[in-house]
């Protein structure tokens, strides 16, 4: 006999737990890489910003994420600041006013 397919509810819950675990690990790595400082202004970092949004095809990864303070994070989302560079692991990634 073939195995009975797993209910969709359980599969979705498992996928959500795996994504939360991956996000947590990426967050820990990025904050350690940035020494708990904002990549833009060097204040204590509180938030994780993704350079390429997941809705536009970005992934939850260390190359796509930077640590920032709340103020810089909101400025990035309002497009007051622009990231110049594509890789967060690169020291050449900079931010400039729009």
Protein backbone atom coordinates (compact mmCIF):
# COMPACT_ATOMS: atom_id res chain seq x y z
CA UNK A 1 0.00 0.00 0.00
CA UNK A 2 1.01 3.57 -0.57
CA UNK A 3 1.49 5.81 2.45
CA UNK A 4 -1.40 8.07 3.28
CA UNK A 5 -0.64 11.70 2.33
CA UNK A 6 0.05 14.03 5.23
CA UNK A 7 -2.77 16.49 5.89
CA UNK A 8 -2.09 19.91 4.43
CA UNK A 9 -2.50 21.56 7.81
CA UNK A 10 0.38 19.59 9.31
CA UNK A 11 2.60 20.18 6.29
CA UNK A 12 2.00 23.95 6.49
CA UNK A 13 2.71 23.98 10.23
CA UNK A 14 5.97 22.05 9.71
CA UNK A 15 7.06 24.41 6.91
CA UNK A 16 6.29 27.42 9.12
CA UNK A 17 8.40 25.99 11.99
CA UNK A 18 11.30 25.30 9.62
CA UNK A 19 11.16 28.86 8.25
CA UNK A 20 11.08 30.32 11.77
CA UNK A 21 14.13 28.24 12.73
CA UNK A 22 16.00 29.32 9.59
CA UNK A 23 15.13 32.98 10.25
CA UNK A 24 16.33 32.68 13.84
CA UNK A 25 19.67 31.17 12.78
CA UNK A 26 20.20 33.83 10.10
CA UNK A 27 19.34 36.56 12.63
CA UNK A 28 21.87 35.20 15.15
CA UNK A 29 24.61 34.99 12.49
CA UNK A 30 23.94 38.48 11.07
CA UNK A 31 23.87 40.14 14.50
CA UNK A 32 27.15 38.39 15.39
CA UNK A 33 28.70 39.45 12.06
CA UNK A 34 27.68 43.07 12.66
CA UNK A 35 28.73 42.94 16.36
CA UNK A 36 25.15 43.92 17.34
CA UNK A 37 25.59 47.30 15.65
CA UNK A 38 23.54 48.98 12.93
CA UNK A 39 25.25 48.61 9.56
CA UNK A 40 24.18 52.15 8.64
CA UNK A 41 24.80 54.32 11.73
CA UNK A 42 26.64 52.01 14.22
CA UNK A 43 23.95 52.38 16.91
CA UNK A 44 22.83 49.20 18.71
CA UNK A 45 20.96 47.02 16.22
CA UNK A 46 17.44 45.84 16.96
CA UNK A 47 16.08 44.69 13.60
CA UNK A 48 16.98 42.58 10.60
CA UNK A 49 16.58 44.15 7.13
CA UNK A 50 16.50 42.14 3.92
CA UNK A 51 18.15 43.89 0.99
CA UNK A 52 15.95 42.16 -1.56
CA UNK A 53 12.45 41.63 -0.18
CA UNK A 54 11.07 38.10 -0.12
CA UNK A 55 8.03 39.31 -2.06
CA UNK A 56 10.44 40.22 -4.89
CA UNK A 57 12.30 36.93 -4.87
CA UNK A 58 14.75 37.55 -2.02
CA UNK A 59 15.63 34.74 0.34
CA UNK A 60 16.17 34.43 4.05
CA UNK A 61 19.96 34.31 4.00
CA UNK A 62 23.02 35.94 5.48
CA UNK A 63 23.95 37.42 2.09
CA UNK A 64 20.57 39.18 1.89
CA UNK A 65 20.27 40.46 5.48
CA UNK A 66 21.81 43.26 7.52
CA UNK A 67 21.33 44.34 11.12
CA UNK A 68 20.00 47.85 11.69
CA UNK A 69 18.46 50.04 14.34
CA UNK A 70 14.76 50.85 14.26
CA UNK A 71 15.28 54.35 12.84
CA UNK A 72 17.50 53.22 9.94
CA UNK A 73 15.22 50.26 9.26
CA UNK A 74 12.22 52.56 8.83
CA UNK A 75 14.31 54.91 6.65
CA UNK A 76 15.25 51.96 4.42
CA UNK A 77 11.60 50.96 4.05
CA UNK A 78 10.55 54.55 3.29
CA UNK A 79 13.31 54.60 0.63
CA UNK A 80 15.07 57.55 2.32
CA UNK A 81 18.20 55.37 2.27
CA UNK A 82 19.39 53.21 -0.60
CA UNK A 83 21.71 50.21 -0.29
CA UNK A 84 24.56 50.32 -2.81
CA UNK A 85 25.78 46.78 -3.41
CA UNK A 86 24.07 43.43 -3.58
CA UNK A 87 25.84 41.26 -1.03
CA UNK A 88 25.50 41.89 2.72
CA UNK A 89 28.59 39.77 3.42
CA UNK A 90 30.70 42.22 1.43
CA UNK A 91 32.36 45.07 3.34
CA UNK A 92 31.76 47.22 0.23
CA UNK A 93 28.00 47.38 0.88
CA UNK A 94 27.17 51.01 1.67
CA UNK A 95 24.05 53.07 2.25
CA UNK A 96 23.42 56.52 0.85
CA UNK A 97 20.57 59.03 1.09
CA UNK A 98 18.14 59.04 -1.78
